[in-house]
Each structure stands twice: as structure tokens, then as C-alpha cells.
C-alpha atoms as a PDB file:
ATOM      1  CA  MET A   1     184.346 203.784 -45.772  1.00  0.00           C
ATOM      2  CA  LYS A   2     186.071 200.528 -44.097  1.00  0.00           C
ATOM      3  CA  HIS A   3     187.857 198.797 -47.092  1.00  0.00           C
ATOM      4  CA  GLN A   4     188.709 195.267 -46.341  1.00  0.00           C
ATOM      5  CA  ILE A   5     186.189 194.849 -43.299  1.00  0.00           C
ATOM      6  CA  SER A   6     184.574 191.218 -44.050  1.00  0.00           C
ATOM      7  CA  LYS A   7     180.851 191.141 -41.755  1.00  0.00           C
ATOM      8  CA  ILE A   8     179.180 187.953 -41.937  1.00  0.00           C
ATOM      9  CA  LYS A   9     175.290 188.023 -43.018  1.00  0.00           C
ATOM     10  CA  VAL A  10     172.431 186.469 -42.979  1.00  0.00           C
ATOM     11  CA  LYS A  11     170.536 186.357 -46.162  1.00  0.00           C
ATOM     12  CA  ASP A  12     167.347 188.636 -44.741  1.00  0.00           C
ATOM     13  CA  GLY A  13     167.011 192.025 -43.960  1.00  0.00           C
ATOM     14  CA  SER A  14     169.813 193.928 -41.165  1.00  0.00           C
ATOM     15  CA  ASP A  15     166.697 194.899 -38.913  1.00  0.00           C
ATOM     16  CA  ALA A  16     166.075 190.475 -39.565  1.00  0.00           C
ATOM     17  CA  ASN A  17     169.680 189.956 -39.017  1.00  0.00           C
ATOM     18  CA  GLN A  18     170.174 192.028 -35.699  1.00  0.00           C
ATOM     19  CA  MET A  19     166.767 190.529 -33.794  1.00  0.00           C
ATOM     20  CA  LEU A  20     168.549 186.994 -34.605  1.00  0.00           C
ATOM     21  CA  VAL A  21     171.751 188.069 -33.230  1.00  0.00           C
ATOM     22  CA  LYS A  22     169.855 189.520 -29.834  1.00  0.00           C
ATOM     23  CA  LYS A  23     167.445 186.166 -29.937  1.00  0.00           C
ATOM     24  CA  LEU A  24     171.026 184.039 -30.138  1.00  0.00           C
ATOM     25  CA  VAL A  25     172.711 186.320 -27.263  1.00  0.00           C
ATOM     26  CA  ARG A  26     170.083 186.178 -24.836  1.00  0.00           C
ATOM     27  CA  ASN A  27     169.625 181.813 -25.420  1.00  0.00           C
ATOM     28  CA  PHE A  28     173.375 181.781 -25.320  1.00  0.00           C
ATOM     29  CA  ILE A  29     173.665 183.744 -21.902  1.00  0.00           C
ATOM     30  CA  ALA A  30     170.510 181.880 -20.084  1.00  0.00           C
ATOM     31  CA  HIS A  31     171.370 178.961 -20.979  1.00  0.00           C
ATOM     32  CA  GLY A  32     175.360 178.572 -21.476  1.00  0.00           C
ATOM     33  CA  THR A  33     174.998 176.317 -24.459  1.00  0.00           C
ATOM     34  CA  LEU A  34     173.857 176.768 -27.583  1.00  0.00           C
ATOM     35  CA  GLU A  35     173.607 174.577 -30.544  1.00  0.00           C
ATOM     36  CA  THR A  36     173.308 176.198 -34.018  1.00  0.00           C
ATOM     37  CA  THR A  37     174.519 176.558 -37.868  1.00  0.00           C
ATOM     38  CA  GLN A  38     178.343 177.491 -38.206  1.00  0.00           C
ATOM     39  CA  THR A  39     177.095 180.983 -39.480  1.00  0.00           C
ATOM     40  CA  LYS A  40     175.255 181.845 -37.003  1.00  0.00           C
ATOM     41  CA  ALA A  41     177.915 180.979 -34.630  1.00  0.00           C
ATOM     42  CA  LYS A  42     180.564 183.103 -36.092  1.00  0.00           C
ATOM     43  CA  ILE A  43     178.378 185.773 -35.333  1.00  0.00           C
ATOM     44  CA  LEU A  44     177.330 185.166 -32.059  1.00  0.00           C
ATOM     45  CA  ASN A  45     180.857 184.139 -31.056  1.00  0.00           C
ATOM     46  CA  ALA A  46     182.002 187.445 -33.111  1.00  0.00           C
ATOM     47  CA  VAL A  47     179.289 189.283 -31.115  1.00  0.00           C
ATOM     48  CA  MET A  48     179.945 187.590 -27.706  1.00  0.00           C
ATOM     49  CA  GLN A  49     184.014 188.831 -27.559  1.00  0.00           C
ATOM     50  CA  ASN A  50     182.564 192.080 -28.080  1.00  0.00           C
ATOM     51  CA  LEU A  51     179.915 191.978 -25.012  1.00  0.00           C
ATOM     52  CA  VAL A  52     181.868 190.060 -22.877  1.00  0.00           C
ATOM     53  CA  HIS A  53     184.757 192.941 -23.121  1.00  0.00           C
ATOM     54  CA  LYS A  54     182.312 195.336 -22.339  1.00  0.00           C
ATOM     55  CA  ALA A  55     181.310 193.442 -19.284  1.00  0.00           C
ATOM     56  CA  LEU A  56     184.431 193.496 -17.824  1.00  0.00           C
ATOM     57  CA  SER A  57     185.157 196.873 -18.107  1.00  0.00           C
ATOM     58  CA  GLY A  58     181.627 197.614 -15.645  1.00  0.00           C
ATOM     59  CA  THR A  59     181.545 201.089 -16.583  1.00  0.00           C
ATOM     60  CA  GLU A  60     178.263 203.210 -17.210  1.00  0.00           C
ATOM     61  CA  ALA A  61     178.805 203.128 -20.727  1.00  0.00           C
ATOM     62  CA  SER A  62     179.333 199.859 -21.200  1.00  0.00           C
ATOM     63  CA  VAL A  63     176.326 198.903 -19.735  1.00  0.00           C
ATOM     64  CA  ASN A  64     174.048 201.234 -21.922  1.00  0.00           C
ATOM     65  CA  ILE A  65     175.913 199.239 -24.885  1.00  0.00           C
ATOM     66  CA  LEU A  66     174.660 195.902 -23.252  1.00  0.00           C
ATOM     67  CA  LEU A  67     171.096 197.131 -22.327  1.00  0.00           C
ATOM     68  CA  PRO A  68     170.082 196.643 -26.283  1.00  0.00           C
ATOM     69  CA  TYR A  69     170.970 193.165 -26.500  1.00  0.00           C
ATOM     70  CA  LEU A  70     169.854 191.856 -22.494  1.00  0.00           C
ATOM     71  CA  GLN A  71     166.806 194.196 -23.237  1.00  0.00           C
ATOM     72  CA  ASN A  72     166.547 194.720 -19.040  1.00  0.00           C
ATOM     73  CA  ARG A  73     169.102 196.433 -16.569  1.00  0.00           C
ATOM     74  CA  PRO A  74     168.393 193.326 -13.788  1.00  0.00           C
ATOM     75  CA  ALA A  75     169.865 190.768 -16.370  1.00  0.00           C
ATOM     76  CA  VAL A  76     172.819 193.725 -17.549  1.00  0.00           C
ATOM     77  CA  ASP A  77     174.042 193.473 -13.719  1.00  0.00           C
ATOM     78  CA  ALA A  78     173.851 189.508 -13.557  1.00  0.00           C
ATOM     79  CA  PHE A  79     175.573 189.765 -16.341  1.00  0.00           C
ATOM     80  CA  VAL A  80     178.561 191.913 -15.482  1.00  0.00           C
ATOM     81  CA  ALA A  81     178.451 189.419 -12.327  1.00  0.00           C
ATOM     82  CA  ASP A  82     178.365 186.506 -13.658  1.00  0.00           C
ATOM     83  CA  ILE A  83     181.225 187.278 -16.756  1.00  0.00           C
ATOM     84  CA  THR A  84     183.441 188.908 -13.505  1.00  0.00           C
ATOM     85  CA  LYS A  85     183.528 185.742 -11.558  1.00  0.00           C
ATOM     86  CA  ARG A  86     183.818 183.612 -15.462  1.00  0.00           C
ATOM     87  CA  GLN A  87     186.939 185.356 -16.164  1.00  0.00           C
ATOM     88  CA  GLY A  88     188.596 185.939 -13.347  1.00  0.00           C
ATOM     89  CA  THR A  89     191.909 186.786 -14.273  1.00  0.00           C
ATOM     90  CA  HIS A  90     191.562 185.525 -17.967  1.00  0.00           C
ATOM     91  CA  PRO A  91     191.791 188.163 -20.548  1.00  0.00           C
ATOM     92  CA  ALA A  92     188.053 188.649 -22.521  1.00  0.00           C
ATOM     93  CA  SER A  93     189.187 187.234 -25.691  1.00  0.00           C
ATOM     94  CA  GLY A  94     188.504 183.627 -26.336  1.00  0.00           C
ATOM     95  CA  SER A  95     185.864 183.608 -23.387  1.00  0.00           C
ATOM     96  CA  VAL A  96     183.509 181.634 -26.245  1.00  0.00           C
ATOM     97  CA  LYS A  97     184.441 178.372 -28.342  1.00  0.00           C
ATOM     98  CA  MET A  98     182.681 176.046 -31.012  1.00  0.00           C
ATOM     99  CA  LEU A  99     182.722 172.230 -31.400  1.00  0.00           C
ATOM    100  CA  LYS A 100     181.680 171.256 -34.358  1.00  0.00           C
ATOM    101  CA  LEU A 101     178.705 168.370 -33.895  1.00  0.00           C
ATOM    102  CA  GLY A 102     178.613 167.584 -37.630  1.00  0.00           C
ATOM    103  CA  MET A 103     176.103 167.746 -40.396  1.00  0.00           C
ATOM    104  CA  ARG A 104     172.668 168.136 -39.686  1.00  0.00           C
ATOM    105  CA  PRO A 105     170.065 165.667 -41.726  1.00  0.00           C
ATOM    106  CA  GLY A 106     167.568 167.535 -43.335  1.00  0.00           C
ATOM    107  CA  ASP A 107     169.804 170.123 -44.948  1.00  0.00           C
ATOM    108  CA  ALA A 108     173.368 169.277 -44.399  1.00  0.00           C
ATOM    109  CA  ALA A 109     174.042 172.568 -42.399  1.00  0.00           C
ATOM    110  CA  SER A 110     177.057 172.385 -40.697  1.00  0.00           C
ATOM    111  CA  ILE A 111     175.880 171.958 -36.850  1.00  0.00           C
ATOM    112  CA  VAL A 112     177.932 173.935 -33.802  1.00  0.00           C
ATOM    113  CA  ARG A 113     177.536 173.366 -30.654  1.00  0.00           C
ATOM    114  CA  VAL A 114     178.865 177.145 -28.533  1.00  0.00           C
ATOM    115  CA  ILE A 115     180.246 176.972 -24.864  1.00  0.00           C
ATOM    116  CA  TRP A 116     182.417 178.792 -22.522  1.00  0.00           C
ATOM    117  CA  THR A 117     185.910 178.395 -22.355  1.00  0.00           C
ATOM    118  CA  HIS A 118     185.824 179.398 -19.269  1.00  0.00           C
ATOM    119  CA  GLN A 119     183.214 177.441 -16.418  1.00  0.00           C
ATOM    120  CA  LEU A 120     182.253 178.872 -13.503  1.00  0.00           C
ATOM    121  CA  PRO A 121     183.990 178.241 -10.259  1.00  0.00           C
ATOM    122  CA  GLU A 122     182.209 175.512  -8.032  1.00  0.00           C
ATOM    123  CA  THR A 123     181.308 178.067  -5.338  1.00  0.00           C
ATOM    124  CA  ALA A 124     179.734 180.227  -8.148  1.00  0.00           C
ATOM    125  CA  VAL A 125     177.749 177.224  -9.405  1.00  0.00           C
ATOM    126  CA  LYS A 126     176.409 176.176  -5.498  1.00  0.00           C
ATOM    127  CA  LYS A 127     175.464 179.898  -4.585  1.00  0.00           C
ATOM    128  CA  THR A 128     173.002 180.226  -7.653  1.00  0.00           C
ATOM    129  CA  LYS A 129     171.062 177.014  -7.368  1.00  0.00           C
END
């Protein structure tokens, strides 16, 4: 049993939490930025740190860990290639940052924009377009 390990949870069931995390990861990777509540952003930040670390190692075992989040092999291969370009010589930690945007008018929830810390080099951006 792991004592004094805190995990950020959303009040839905465990299946709903897992699907929420997978949707957040897929949308963030696809668009490169995401606006969500602060609680969901903290969950996404923790998961993305682990996924970036796994993508940088590039082993087959790491790819198998990435597959449940990205759902297909071409997406995983593209993510691994994108991360190696994006991170370069930078360490895996701190690859995602959160910028506070303020409060949502309807329910006063704290809204955060999640972005990559290291942007793609200009040559990589031109090749993908």
C-alpha cells in the first residue's frame, strides 16, 4: 500500500476518469493547446509528463504504454517523432505548462490553458504544412 501518495480525481467513476484522461491527452496532442479547468489540467500535466518520458525512451515497451492513450500505432509513431523534435536536448520534465486565464462566468471554475513548453523548430513546422 502506498501511503501519503495523493492523486487528483474527478468525482465520476474510475472508468469515466480514465476516458476523460484519454480524451484530454488525445485533444492536447492533436491541437497542441487546450483550455480546461484547473483540476483537469493538473491531471493532464501529470499524465503528459509520463507519456513524454516514455516517448523519449523510444523502446517497444514504451510504445505499448502509449498505445492505450493514442489508440493506434501511426498516432503513436507520429507522437514519438514529434516529441523527439520538440524536446531535442531538453529533459522530459517540464514539457507542458499551464497558464491561468481566469474564472468561467457560469460557475466560477478556474480556467487554464495548457501548452507545450518547447515549441517545434521552424523547419519542422514548415515540413508538416
